[in-house]
Amino acid sequence: MFSSQKETSTSFSPLQQHFLTRLRRLLRLRKEQSNKLNEGGLRLIDRAIYTSYCDAADCGVTIAAQQLLQRYAAPTRER
């Protein structure tokens, strides 16, 4: 799951860019739709976000993926 590839460059390969774009899209979707989705819908999006994060990490762009997660971090819903 962890890659030895360094993340010193802001230039990403097409595969790395694909996973980061997918992660960004899912994070934006969760932020925009969180008030409209039930608990099951949120769980599905969260699992897709986690999977996309893992894919990005496997491709060696862990830091960029973590930055996206921090940028789109949403406060948790109170029950």
C-alpha atoms as a PDB file:
ATOM      1  CA  MET A   1       0.000   0.000   0.000  1.00  0.00           C
ATOM      2  CA  PHE A   2       2.916   2.350   0.540  1.00  0.00           C
ATOM      3  CA  SER A   3       5.046   3.454  -2.356  1.00  0.00           C
ATOM      4  CA  SER A   4       8.709   4.322  -2.245  1.00  0.00           C
ATOM      5  CA  GLN A   5       8.211   6.959  -4.956  1.00  0.00           C
ATOM      6  CA  LYS A   6       8.975  10.470  -3.755  1.00  0.00           C
ATOM      7  CA  GLU A   7       6.380  13.228  -4.078  1.00  0.00           C
ATOM      8  CA  THR A   8       8.722  16.120  -4.666  1.00  0.00           C
ATOM      9  CA  SER A   9       7.336  17.167  -8.028  1.00  0.00           C
ATOM     10  CA  THR A  10       4.018  18.857  -8.701  1.00  0.00           C
ATOM     11  CA  SER A  11       3.958  17.045 -12.039  1.00  0.00           C
ATOM     12  CA  PHE A  12       1.908  13.870 -11.760  1.00  0.00           C
ATOM     13  CA  SER A  13       1.656  10.947 -14.147  1.00  0.00           C
ATOM     14  CA  PRO A  14      -1.680  10.443 -15.912  1.00  0.00           C
ATOM     15  CA  LEU A  15      -2.547   7.590 -13.527  1.00  0.00           C
ATOM     16  CA  GLN A  16      -1.691   9.642 -10.452  1.00  0.00           C
ATOM     17  CA  GLN A  17      -3.707  12.565 -11.804  1.00  0.00           C
ATOM     18  CA  HIS A  18      -6.651  10.217 -12.441  1.00  0.00           C
ATOM     19  CA  PHE A  19      -6.754   9.042  -8.841  1.00  0.00           C
ATOM     20  CA  LEU A  20      -6.353  12.557  -7.443  1.00  0.00           C
ATOM     21  CA  THR A  21      -9.099  13.880  -9.723  1.00  0.00           C
ATOM     22  CA  ARG A  22     -11.422  11.060  -8.672  1.00  0.00           C
ATOM     23  CA  LEU A  23     -10.692  11.714  -5.003  1.00  0.00           C
ATOM     24  CA  ARG A  24     -11.294  15.469  -5.454  1.00  0.00           C
ATOM     25  CA  ARG A  25     -14.603  14.796  -7.246  1.00  0.00           C
ATOM     26  CA  LEU A  26     -15.842  12.435  -4.520  1.00  0.00           C
ATOM     27  CA  LEU A  27     -14.846  14.851  -1.761  1.00  0.00           C
ATOM     28  CA  ARG A  28     -16.669  17.687  -3.519  1.00  0.00           C
ATOM     29  CA  LEU A  29     -19.717  15.461  -4.032  1.00  0.00           C
ATOM     30  CA  ARG A  30     -19.793  14.555  -0.348  1.00  0.00           C
ATOM     31  CA  LYS A  31     -19.522  18.200   0.679  1.00  0.00           C
ATOM     32  CA  GLU A  32     -22.257  19.343  -1.711  1.00  0.00           C
ATOM     33  CA  GLN A  33     -24.677  16.464  -1.111  1.00  0.00           C
ATOM     34  CA  SER A  34     -24.146  15.613   2.566  1.00  0.00           C
ATOM     35  CA  ASN A  35     -27.361  17.328   3.659  1.00  0.00           C
ATOM     36  CA  LYS A  36     -29.396  15.478   1.027  1.00  0.00           C
ATOM     37  CA  LEU A  37     -28.120  11.954   1.621  1.00  0.00           C
ATOM     38  CA  ASN A  38     -29.219   9.459   4.222  1.00  0.00           C
ATOM     39  CA  GLU A  39     -26.741   7.553   6.364  1.00  0.00           C
ATOM     40  CA  GLY A  40     -26.378   4.769   3.788  1.00  0.00           C
ATOM     41  CA  GLY A  41     -25.604   7.229   1.010  1.00  0.00           C
ATOM     42  CA  LEU A  42     -22.968   8.954   3.099  1.00  0.00           C
ATOM     43  CA  ARG A  43     -21.429   5.607   3.982  1.00  0.00           C
ATOM     44  CA  LEU A  44     -21.155   4.698   0.286  1.00  0.00           C
ATOM     45  CA  ILE A  45     -19.467   7.980  -0.586  1.00  0.00           C
ATOM     46  CA  ASP A  46     -17.121   7.660   2.387  1.00  0.00           C
ATOM     47  CA  ARG A  47     -16.093   4.167   1.268  1.00  0.00           C
ATOM     48  CA  ALA A  48     -15.482   5.428  -2.262  1.00  0.00           C
ATOM     49  CA  ILE A  49     -13.378   8.273  -0.837  1.00  0.00           C
ATOM     50  CA  TYR A  50     -11.350   5.821   1.240  1.00  0.00           C
ATOM     51  CA  THR A  51     -10.786   3.543  -1.752  1.00  0.00           C
ATOM     52  CA  SER A  52      -9.723   6.477  -3.914  1.00  0.00           C
ATOM     53  CA  TYR A  53      -7.340   7.629  -1.186  1.00  0.00           C
ATOM     54  CA  CYS A  54      -5.800   4.158  -1.018  1.00  0.00           C
ATOM     55  CA  ASP A  55      -5.427   4.082  -4.813  1.00  0.00           C
ATOM     56  CA  ALA A  56      -3.700   7.462  -4.752  1.00  0.00           C
ATOM     57  CA  ALA A  57      -1.403   6.297  -1.957  1.00  0.00           C
ATOM     58  CA  ASP A  58      -0.548   3.145  -3.895  1.00  0.00           C
ATOM     59  CA  CYS A  59       0.451   5.317  -6.857  1.00  0.00           C
ATOM     60  CA  GLY A  60       2.786   7.393  -4.709  1.00  0.00           C
ATOM     61  CA  VAL A  61       0.791  10.587  -4.221  1.00  0.00           C
ATOM     62  CA  THR A  62      -0.080  10.163  -0.553  1.00  0.00           C
ATOM     63  CA  ILE A  63       0.818  13.725   0.417  1.00  0.00           C
ATOM     64  CA  ALA A  64      -1.314  15.244  -2.349  1.00  0.00           C
ATOM     65  CA  ALA A  65      -4.219  12.970  -1.357  1.00  0.00           C
ATOM     66  CA  GLN A  66      -3.868  13.964   2.301  1.00  0.00           C
ATOM     67  CA  GLN A  67      -3.886  17.630   1.302  1.00  0.00           C
ATOM     68  CA  LEU A  68      -7.149  17.087  -0.564  1.00  0.00           C
ATOM     69  CA  LEU A  69      -8.672  15.360   2.458  1.00  0.00           C
ATOM     70  CA  GLN A  70      -7.666  18.272   4.679  1.00  0.00           C
ATOM     71  CA  ARG A  71      -8.970  20.851   2.215  1.00  0.00           C
ATOM     72  CA  TYR A  72     -12.368  19.196   1.937  1.00  0.00           C
ATOM     73  CA  ALA A  73     -12.658  18.087   5.558  1.00  0.00           C
ATOM     74  CA  ALA A  74     -16.233  18.453   6.683  1.00  0.00           C
ATOM     75  CA  PRO A  75     -17.372  18.727  10.265  1.00  0.00           C
ATOM     76  CA  THR A  76     -19.040  15.581  11.489  1.00  0.00           C
ATOM     77  CA  ARG A  77     -22.799  15.550  11.801  1.00  0.00           C
ATOM     78  CA  GLU A  78     -24.182  15.753  15.321  1.00  0.00           C
ATOM     79  CA  ARG A  79     -26.818  13.195  16.264  1.00  0.00           C
END
